[in-house]
Amino acid sequence: MKRLVLAAICLSALVLQGCDKINNASRTMDTMLGGDYKVYIIGHSKVYSIKNGKVTSVPEKGYYVFYATIDGKKTLVQTPIATTVIEKID
């Protein structure tokens, strides 16, 4: 009986860990695609433009990293994932 309970706990841990890795991978893959984007940050009036670049996520730390064009210069920006909306421009 103890072996059955231990096996169930181990299996549950593996399944949860696998789901977490799939979730992180899908979030990373979504944000590593290149192109043109508009990035909106809740609480900021400025809209950041990304031309022919990419947005990279760091899910374990909870933020996006990208280079936006600000005043004609490419500038590194970090923003929390929870308060950021990324729009792909066609």
PDB file of N, CA and C in Angstrom:
ATOM      1  N   MET A   1       0.819  -1.191   0.000  1.00  0.00           N
ATOM      2  CA  MET A   1       0.000   0.000   0.000  1.00  0.00           C
ATOM      3  C   MET A   1       0.869   1.264   0.000  1.00  0.00           C
ATOM      4  N   LYS A   2       1.932   1.240   0.822  1.00  0.00           N
ATOM      5  CA  LYS A   2       2.823   2.393   0.885  1.00  0.00           C
ATOM      6  C   LYS A   2       3.478   2.638  -0.476  1.00  0.00           C
ATOM      7  N   ARG A   3       3.830   1.575  -1.175  1.00  0.00           N
ATOM      8  CA  ARG A   3       4.455   1.708  -2.493  1.00  0.00           C
ATOM      9  C   ARG A   3       3.490   2.340  -3.488  1.00  0.00           C
ATOM     10  N   LEU A   4       2.225   1.958  -3.411  1.00  0.00           N
ATOM     11  CA  LEU A   4       1.222   2.506  -4.315  1.00  0.00           C
ATOM     12  C   LEU A   4       1.051   4.011  -4.083  1.00  0.00           C
ATOM     13  N   VAL A   5       0.986   4.417  -2.827  1.00  0.00           N
ATOM     14  CA  VAL A   5       0.855   5.842  -2.494  1.00  0.00           C
ATOM     15  C   VAL A   5       2.094   6.613  -2.944  1.00  0.00           C
ATOM     16  N   LEU A   6       3.273   6.055  -2.690  1.00  0.00           N
ATOM     17  CA  LEU A   6       4.523   6.697  -3.090  1.00  0.00           C
ATOM     18  C   LEU A   6       4.595   6.824  -4.613  1.00  0.00           C
ATOM     19  N   ALA A   7       4.190   5.778  -5.322  1.00  0.00           N
ATOM     20  CA  ALA A   7       4.194   5.810  -6.785  1.00  0.00           C
ATOM     21  C   ALA A   7       3.225   6.869  -7.301  1.00  0.00           C
ATOM     22  N   ALA A   8       2.065   6.992  -6.679  1.00  0.00           N
ATOM     23  CA  ALA A   8       1.075   8.004  -7.093  1.00  0.00           C
ATOM     24  C   ALA A   8       1.611   9.417  -6.870  1.00  0.00           C
ATOM     25  N   ILE A   9       2.281   9.640  -5.758  1.00  0.00           N
ATOM     26  CA  ILE A   9       2.854  10.962  -5.462  1.00  0.00           C
ATOM     27  C   ILE A   9       3.943  11.296  -6.482  1.00  0.00           C
ATOM     28  N   CYS A  10       4.810  10.338  -6.772  1.00  0.00           N
ATOM     29  CA  CYS A  10       5.893  10.567  -7.743  1.00  0.00           C
ATOM     30  C   CYS A  10       5.322  10.859  -9.128  1.00  0.00           C
ATOM     31  N   LEU A  11       4.312  10.091  -9.534  1.00  0.00           N
ATOM     32  CA  LEU A  11       3.698  10.297 -10.840  1.00  0.00           C
ATOM     33  C   LEU A  11       3.049  11.676 -10.925  1.00  0.00           C
ATOM     34  N   SER A  12       2.361  12.084  -9.865  1.00  0.00           N
ATOM     35  CA  SER A  12       1.742  13.410  -9.836  1.00  0.00           C
ATOM     36  C   SER A  12       2.787  14.515  -9.967  1.00  0.00           C
ATOM     37  N   ALA A  13       3.890  14.371  -9.271  1.00  0.00           N
ATOM     38  CA  ALA A  13       4.961  15.370  -9.336  1.00  0.00           C
ATOM     39  C   ALA A  13       5.536  15.461 -10.743  1.00  0.00           C
ATOM     40  N   LEU A  14       5.730  14.326 -11.399  1.00  0.00           N
ATOM     41  CA  LEU A  14       6.265  14.324 -12.762  1.00  0.00           C
ATOM     42  C   LEU A  14       5.297  14.975 -13.735  1.00  0.00           C
ATOM     43  N   VAL A  15       4.021  14.686 -13.598  1.00  0.00           N
ATOM     44  CA  VAL A  15       3.013  15.276 -14.490  1.00  0.00           C
ATOM     45  C   VAL A  15       2.969  16.785 -14.302  1.00  0.00           C
ATOM     46  N   LEU A  16       2.952  17.246 -13.067  1.00  0.00           N
ATOM     47  CA  LEU A  16       2.909  18.688 -12.808  1.00  0.00           C
ATOM     48  C   LEU A  16       4.160  19.385 -13.318  1.00  0.00           C
ATOM     49  N   GLN A  17       5.302  18.760 -13.136  1.00  0.00           N
ATOM     50  CA  GLN A  17       6.543  19.344 -13.611  1.00  0.00           C
ATOM     51  C   GLN A  17       6.536  19.419 -15.137  1.00  0.00           C
ATOM     52  N   GLY A  18       6.044  18.373 -15.776  1.00  0.00           N
ATOM     53  CA  GLY A  18       5.967  18.366 -17.234  1.00  0.00           C
ATOM     54  C   GLY A  18       5.051  19.447 -17.758  1.00  0.00           C
ATOM     55  N   CYS A  19       3.904  19.650 -17.115  1.00  0.00           N
ATOM     56  CA  CYS A  19       2.964  20.691 -17.526  1.00  0.00           C
ATOM     57  C   CYS A  19       3.596  22.071 -17.388  1.00  0.00           C
ATOM     58  N   ASP A  20       4.324  22.281 -16.303  1.00  0.00           N
ATOM     59  CA  ASP A  20       4.976  23.562 -16.089  1.00  0.00           C
ATOM     60  C   ASP A  20       6.002  23.838 -17.178  1.00  0.00           C
ATOM     61  N   LYS A  21       6.786  22.826 -17.559  1.00  0.00           N
ATOM     62  CA  LYS A  21       7.783  23.008 -18.617  1.00  0.00           C
ATOM     63  C   LYS A  21       7.122  23.284 -19.949  1.00  0.00           C
ATOM     64  N   ILE A  22       6.010  22.599 -20.237  1.00  0.00           N
ATOM     65  CA  ILE A  22       5.288  22.847 -21.490  1.00  0.00           C
ATOM     66  C   ILE A  22       4.738  24.261 -21.501  1.00  0.00           C
ATOM     67  N   ASN A  23       4.169  24.706 -20.382  1.00  0.00           N
ATOM     68  CA  ASN A  23       3.629  26.056 -20.285  1.00  0.00           C
ATOM     69  C   ASN A  23       4.724  27.091 -20.495  1.00  0.00           C
ATOM     70  N   ASN A  24       5.863  26.925 -19.830  1.00  0.00           N
ATOM     71  CA  ASN A  24       6.973  27.865 -19.988  1.00  0.00           C
ATOM     72  C   ASN A  24       7.501  27.856 -21.418  1.00  0.00           C
ATOM     73  N   ALA A  25       7.604  26.680 -22.020  1.00  0.00           N
ATOM     74  CA  ALA A  25       8.102  26.588 -23.396  1.00  0.00           C
ATOM     75  C   ALA A  25       7.151  27.270 -24.358  1.00  0.00           C
ATOM     76  N   SER A  26       5.854  27.089 -24.173  1.00  0.00           N
ATOM     77  CA  SER A  26       4.914  27.714 -25.090  1.00  0.00           C
ATOM     78  C   SER A  26       4.934  29.226 -24.939  1.00  0.00           C
ATOM     79  N   ARG A  27       5.087  29.734 -23.716  1.00  0.00           N
ATOM     80  CA  ARG A  27       5.176  31.182 -23.525  1.00  0.00           C
ATOM     81  C   ARG A  27       6.452  31.715 -24.159  1.00  0.00           C
ATOM     82  N   THR A  28       7.547  30.989 -24.031  1.00  0.00           N
ATOM     83  CA  THR A  28       8.808  31.416 -24.613  1.00  0.00           C
ATOM     84  C   THR A  28       8.734  31.398 -26.140  1.00  0.00           C
ATOM     85  N   MET A  29       8.172  30.335 -26.704  1.00  0.00           N
ATOM     86  CA  MET A  29       8.079  30.238 -28.157  1.00  0.00           C
ATOM     87  C   MET A  29       7.203  31.346 -28.724  1.00  0.00           C
ATOM     88  N   ASP A  30       6.114  31.678 -28.054  1.00  0.00           N
ATOM     89  CA  ASP A  30       5.239  32.741 -28.531  1.00  0.00           C
ATOM     90  C   ASP A  30       5.967  34.071 -28.588  1.00  0.00           C
ATOM     91  N   THR A  31       6.883  34.309 -27.675  1.00  0.00           N
ATOM     92  CA  THR A  31       7.510  35.618 -27.573  1.00  0.00           C
ATOM     93  C   THR A  31       8.876  35.687 -28.236  1.00  0.00           C
ATOM     94  N   MET A  32       9.329  34.598 -28.837  1.00  0.00           N
ATOM     95  CA  MET A  32      10.615  34.646 -29.509  1.00  0.00           C
ATOM     96  C   MET A  32      10.471  34.785 -31.022  1.00  0.00           C
ATOM     97  N   LEU A  33       9.254  34.901 -31.507  1.00  0.00           N
ATOM     98  CA  LEU A  33       9.055  35.080 -32.934  1.00  0.00           C
ATOM     99  C   LEU A  33       9.438  36.503 -33.324  1.00  0.00           C
ATOM    100  N   GLY A  34      10.115  36.638 -34.438  1.00  0.00           N
ATOM    101  CA  GLY A  34      10.552  37.961 -34.876  1.00  0.00           C
ATOM    102  C   GLY A  34       9.477  38.683 -35.648  1.00  0.00           C
ATOM    103  N   GLY A  35       9.662  39.990 -35.815  1.00  0.00           N
ATOM    104  CA  GLY A  35       8.720  40.781 -36.593  1.00  0.00           C
ATOM    105  C   GLY A  35       8.551  42.168 -36.022  1.00  0.00           C
ATOM    106  N   ASP A  36       7.420  42.764 -36.374  1.00  0.00           N
ATOM    107  CA  ASP A  36       7.087  44.105 -35.909  1.00  0.00           C
ATOM    108  C   ASP A  36       5.977  43.998 -34.862  1.00  0.00           C
ATOM    109  N   TYR A  37       6.148  44.707 -33.749  1.00  0.00           N
ATOM    110  CA  TYR A  37       5.199  44.622 -32.649  1.00  0.00           C
ATOM    111  C   TYR A  37       4.938  46.000 -32.062  1.00  0.00           C
ATOM    112  N   LYS A  38       3.771  46.122 -31.426  1.00  0.00           N
ATOM    113  CA  LYS A  38       3.473  47.245 -30.544  1.00  0.00           C
ATOM    114  C   LYS A  38       3.312  46.642 -29.160  1.00  0.00           C
ATOM    115  N   VAL A  39       3.933  47.264 -28.169  1.00  0.00           N
ATOM    116  CA  VAL A  39       3.873  46.763 -26.799  1.00  0.00           C
ATOM    117  C   VAL A  39       3.202  47.822 -25.923  1.00  0.00           C
ATOM    118  N   TYR A  40       2.124  47.393 -25.272  1.00  0.00           N
ATOM    119  CA  TYR A  40       1.378  48.257 -24.364  1.00  0.00           C
ATOM    120  C   TYR A  40       1.624  47.775 -22.943  1.00  0.00           C
ATOM    121  N   ILE A  41       1.937  48.709 -22.052  1.00  0.00           N
ATOM    122  CA  ILE A  41       2.156  48.378 -20.645  1.00  0.00           C
ATOM    123  C   ILE A  41       1.075  49.085 -19.839  1.00  0.00           C
ATOM    124  N   ILE A  42       0.325  48.324 -19.067  1.00  0.00           N
ATOM    125  CA  ILE A  42      -0.758  48.902 -18.272  1.00  0.00           C
ATOM    126  C   ILE A  42      -0.165  49.915 -17.298  1.00  0.00           C
ATOM    127  N   GLY A  43      -0.733  51.113 -17.297  1.00  0.00           N
ATOM    128  CA  GLY A  43      -0.248  52.184 -16.428  1.00  0.00           C
ATOM    129  C   GLY A  43       0.710  53.140 -17.127  1.00  0.00           C
ATOM    130  N   HIS A  44       1.137  52.808 -18.364  1.00  0.00           N
ATOM    131  CA  HIS A  44       2.018  53.681 -19.140  1.00  0.00           C
ATOM    132  C   HIS A  44       1.239  54.235 -20.319  1.00  0.00           C
ATOM    133  N   SER A  45       1.391  55.500 -20.604  1.00  0.00           N
ATOM    134  CA  SER A  45       0.705  56.087 -21.753  1.00  0.00           C
ATOM    135  C   SER A  45       1.480  55.847 -23.048  1.00  0.00           C
ATOM    136  N   LYS A  46       2.746  55.512 -22.946  1.00  0.00           N
ATOM    137  CA  LYS A  46       3.591  55.299 -24.116  1.00  0.00           C
ATOM    138  C   LYS A  46       3.370  53.906 -24.701  1.00  0.00           C
ATOM    139  N   VAL A  47       3.317  53.838 -26.028  1.00  0.00           N
ATOM    140  CA  VAL A  47       3.261  52.570 -26.744  1.00  0.00           C
ATOM    141  C   VAL A  47       4.645  52.351 -27.350  1.00  0.00           C
ATOM    142  N   TYR A  48       5.262  51.207 -27.062  1.00  0.00           N
ATOM    143  CA  TYR A  48       6.602  50.911 -27.550  1.00  0.00           C
ATOM    144  C   TYR A  48       6.510  50.202 -28.898  1.00  0.00           C
ATOM    145  N   SER A  49       7.339  50.609 -29.844  1.00  0.00           N
ATOM    146  CA  SER A  49       7.362  50.005 -31.176  1.00  0.00           C
ATOM    147  C   SER A  49       8.617  49.160 -31.338  1.00  0.00           C
ATOM    148  N   ILE A  50       8.422  47.977 -31.901  1.00  0.00           N
ATOM    149  CA  ILE A  50       9.535  47.092 -32.214  1.00  0.00           C
ATOM    150  C   ILE A  50       9.484  46.833 -33.705  1.00  0.00           C
ATOM    151  N   LYS A  51      10.514  47.211 -34.414  1.00  0.00           N
ATOM    152  CA  LYS A  51      10.588  47.016 -35.866  1.00  0.00           C
ATOM    153  C   LYS A  51      11.624  45.951 -36.172  1.00  0.00           C
ATOM    154  N   ASN A  52      11.175  44.892 -36.844  1.00  0.00           N
ATOM    155  CA  ASN A  52      12.057  43.795 -37.254  1.00  0.00           C
ATOM    156  C   ASN A  52      12.904  43.288 -36.081  1.00  0.00           C
ATOM    157  N   GLY A  53      12.244  43.064 -34.952  1.00  0.00           N
ATOM    158  CA  GLY A  53      12.951  42.590 -33.759  1.00  0.00           C
ATOM    159  C   GLY A  53      12.200  41.444 -33.124  1.00  0.00           C
ATOM    160  N   LYS A  54      12.442  41.224 -31.848  1.00  0.00           N
ATOM    161  CA  LYS A  54      11.756  40.160 -31.135  1.00  0.00           C
ATOM    162  C   LYS A  54      11.515  40.562 -29.692  1.00  0.00           C
ATOM    163  N   VAL A  55      10.554  39.884 -29.089  1.00  0.00           N
ATOM    164  CA  VAL A  55      10.269  40.041 -27.676  1.00  0.00           C
ATOM    165  C   VAL A  55      10.570  38.700 -27.033  1.00  0.00           C
ATOM    166  N   THR A  56      11.393  38.703 -26.020  1.00  0.00           N
ATOM    167  CA  THR A  56      11.795  37.473 -25.346  1.00  0.00           C
ATOM    168  C   THR A  56      11.219  37.480 -23.940  1.00  0.00           C
ATOM    169  N   SER A  57      10.666  36.341 -23.527  1.00  0.00           N
ATOM    170  CA  SER A  57      10.140  36.268 -22.167  1.00  0.00           C
ATOM    171  C   SER A  57      11.123  35.545 -21.258  1.00  0.00           C
ATOM    172  N   VAL A  58      11.062  35.912 -20.002  1.00  0.00           N
ATOM    173  CA  VAL A  58      11.814  35.218 -18.958  1.00  0.00           C
ATOM    174  C   VAL A  58      10.755  34.804 -17.937  1.00  0.00           C
ATOM    175  N   PRO A  59      10.000  33.706 -18.239  1.00  0.00           N
ATOM    176  CA  PRO A  59       8.849  33.347 -17.411  1.00  0.00           C
ATOM    177  C   PRO A  59       9.179  33.089 -15.946  1.00  0.00           C
ATOM    178  N   GLU A  60      10.321  32.490 -15.679  1.00  0.00           N
ATOM    179  CA  GLU A  60      10.639  32.192 -14.284  1.00  0.00           C
ATOM    180  C   GLU A  60      10.895  33.453 -13.468  1.00  0.00           C
ATOM    181  N   LYS A  61      11.238  34.556 -14.138  1.00  0.00           N
ATOM    182  CA  LYS A  61      11.439  35.822 -13.433  1.00  0.00           C
ATOM    183  C   LYS A  61      10.246  36.758 -13.619  1.00  0.00           C
ATOM    184  N   GLY A  62       9.357  36.431 -14.583  1.00  0.00           N
ATOM    185  CA  GLY A  62       8.116  37.183 -14.736  1.00  0.00           C
ATOM    186  C   GLY A  62       8.190  38.453 -15.554  1.00  0.00           C
ATOM    187  N   TYR A  63       9.090  38.527 -16.540  1.00  0.00           N
ATOM    188  CA  TYR A  63       9.120  39.733 -17.351  1.00  0.00           C
ATOM    189  C   TYR A  63       9.477  39.444 -18.804  1.00  0.00           C
ATOM    190  N   TYR A  64       9.158  40.423 -19.661  1.00  0.00           N
ATOM    191  CA  TYR A  64       9.553  40.418 -21.069  1.00  0.00           C
ATOM    192  C   TYR A  64      10.762  41.328 -21.230  1.00  0.00           C
ATOM    193  N   VAL A  65      11.593  41.030 -22.215  1.00  0.00           N
ATOM    194  CA  VAL A  65      12.747  41.856 -22.561  1.00  0.00           C
ATOM    195  C   VAL A  65      12.675  42.112 -24.062  1.00  0.00           C
ATOM    196  N   PHE A  66      12.849  43.385 -24.459  1.00  0.00           N
ATOM    197  CA  PHE A  66      12.854  43.718 -25.885  1.00  0.00           C
ATOM    198  C   PHE A  66      13.582  45.034 -26.102  1.00  0.00           C
ATOM    199  N   TYR A  67      13.975  45.248 -27.343  1.00  0.00           N
ATOM    200  CA  TYR A  67      14.579  46.517 -27.736  1.00  0.00           C
ATOM    201  C   TYR A  67      13.524  47.322 -28.480  1.00  0.00           C
ATOM    202  N   ALA A  68      13.156  48.458 -27.924  1.00  0.00           N
ATOM    203  CA  ALA A  68      12.171  49.339 -28.539  1.00  0.00           C
ATOM    204  C   ALA A  68      12.865  50.565 -29.097  1.00  0.00           C
ATOM    205  N   THR A  69      12.252  51.151 -30.114  1.00  0.00           N
ATOM    206  CA  THR A  69      12.766  52.394 -30.670  1.00  0.00           C
ATOM    207  C   THR A  69      12.180  53.547 -29.867  1.00  0.00           C
ATOM    208  N   ILE A  70      13.034  54.237 -29.125  1.00  0.00           N
ATOM    209  CA  ILE A  70      12.624  55.375 -28.309  1.00  0.00           C
ATOM    210  C   ILE A  70      13.479  56.569 -28.713  1.00  0.00           C
ATOM    211  N   ASP A  71      12.829  57.619 -29.182  1.00  0.00           N
ATOM    212  CA  ASP A  71      13.519  58.826 -29.656  1.00  0.00           C
ATOM    213  C   ASP A  71      14.565  58.492 -30.716  1.00  0.00           C
ATOM    214  N   GLY A  72      14.234  57.553 -31.598  1.00  0.00           N
ATOM    215  CA  GLY A  72      15.118  57.191 -32.698  1.00  0.00           C
ATOM    216  C   GLY A  72      16.241  56.238 -32.339  1.00  0.00           C
ATOM    217  N   LYS A  73      16.312  55.816 -31.076  1.00  0.00           N
ATOM    218  CA  LYS A  73      17.379  54.904 -30.643  1.00  0.00           C
ATOM    219  C   LYS A  73      16.769  53.607 -30.143  1.00  0.00           C
ATOM    220  N   LYS A  74      17.469  52.491 -30.385  1.00  0.00           N
ATOM    221  CA  LYS A  74      17.031  51.204 -29.839  1.00  0.00           C
ATOM    222  C   LYS A  74      17.430  51.148 -28.378  1.00  0.00           C
ATOM    223  N   THR A  75      16.442  50.934 -27.514  1.00  0.00           N
ATOM    224  CA  THR A  75      16.653  50.948 -26.075  1.00  0.00           C
ATOM    225  C   THR A  75      16.113  49.660 -25.470  1.00  0.00           C
ATOM    226  N   LEU A  76      16.862  49.051 -24.545  1.00  0.00           N
ATOM    227  CA  LEU A  76      16.439  47.841 -23.866  1.00  0.00           C
ATOM    228  C   LEU A  76      15.324  48.168 -22.879  1.00  0.00           C
ATOM    229  N   VAL A  77      14.235  47.391 -22.951  1.00  0.00           N
ATOM    230  CA  VAL A  77      13.099  47.591 -22.059  1.00  0.00           C
ATOM    231  C   VAL A  77      12.760  46.255 -21.403  1.00  0.00           C
ATOM    232  N   GLN A  78      12.508  46.276 -20.099  1.00  0.00           N
ATOM    233  CA  GLN A  78      12.008  45.112 -19.365  1.00  0.00           C
ATOM    234  C   GLN A  78      10.668  45.494 -18.781  1.00  0.00           C
ATOM    235  N   THR A  79       9.686  44.602 -18.928  1.00  0.00           N
ATOM    236  CA  THR A  79       8.353  44.897 -18.432  1.00  0.00           C
ATOM    237  C   THR A  79       7.728  43.635 -17.843  1.00  0.00           C
ATOM    238  N   PRO A  80       6.934  43.760 -16.794  1.00  0.00           N
ATOM    239  CA  PRO A  80       6.302  42.585 -16.194  1.00  0.00           C
ATOM    240  C   PRO A  80       5.340  41.907 -17.168  1.00  0.00           C
ATOM    241  N   ILE A  81       5.359  40.584 -17.206  1.00  0.00           N
ATOM    242  CA  ILE A  81       4.472  39.830 -18.089  1.00  0.00           C
ATOM    243  C   ILE A  81       3.011  40.125 -17.757  1.00  0.00           C
ATOM    244  N   ALA A  82       2.690  40.225 -16.486  1.00  0.00           N
ATOM    245  CA  ALA A  82       1.299  40.381 -16.052  1.00  0.00           C
ATOM    246  C   ALA A  82       0.661  41.690 -16.513  1.00  0.00           C
ATOM    247  N   THR A  83       1.460  42.723 -16.773  1.00  0.00           N
ATOM    248  CA  THR A  83       0.894  44.025 -17.133  1.00  0.00           C
ATOM    249  C   THR A  83       1.231  44.440 -18.558  1.00  0.00           C
ATOM    250  N   THR A  84       1.576  43.486 -19.406  1.00  0.00           N
ATOM    251  CA  THR A  84       2.024  43.797 -20.763  1.00  0.00           C
ATOM    252  C   THR A  84       1.129  43.134 -21.801  1.00  0.00           C
ATOM    253  N   VAL A  85       0.796  43.910 -22.845  1.00  0.00           N
ATOM    254  CA  VAL A  85       0.046  43.381 -23.983  1.00  0.00           C
ATOM    255  C   VAL A  85       0.913  43.592 -25.212  1.00  0.00           C
ATOM    256  N   ILE A  86       1.129  42.511 -25.979  1.00  0.00           N
ATOM    257  CA  ILE A  86       1.968  42.576 -27.177  1.00  0.00           C
ATOM    258  C   ILE A  86       1.069  42.360 -28.388  1.00  0.00           C
ATOM    259  N   GLU A  87       1.151  43.288 -29.341  1.00  0.00           N
ATOM    260  CA  GLU A  87       0.330  43.209 -30.551  1.00  0.00           C
ATOM    261  C   GLU A  87       1.254  43.066 -31.756  1.00  0.00           C
ATOM    262  N   LYS A  88       1.029  42.019 -32.541  1.00  0.00           N
ATOM    263  CA  LYS A  88       1.802  41.805 -33.761  1.00  0.00           C
ATOM    264  C   LYS A  88       1.243  42.715 -34.844  1.00  0.00           C
ATOM    265  N   ILE A  89       2.132  43.406 -35.542  1.00  0.00           N
ATOM    266  CA  ILE A  89       1.738  44.289 -36.633  1.00  0.00           C
ATOM    267  C   ILE A  89       1.996  43.556 -37.930  1.00  0.00           C
ATOM    268  N   ASP A  90       0.969  43.484 -38.778  1.00  0.00           N
ATOM    269  CA  ASP A  90       1.121  42.783 -40.061  1.00  0.00           C
ATOM    270  C   ASP A  90       1.713  43.680 -41.117  1.00  0.00           C
TER     271      ASP A  90
END
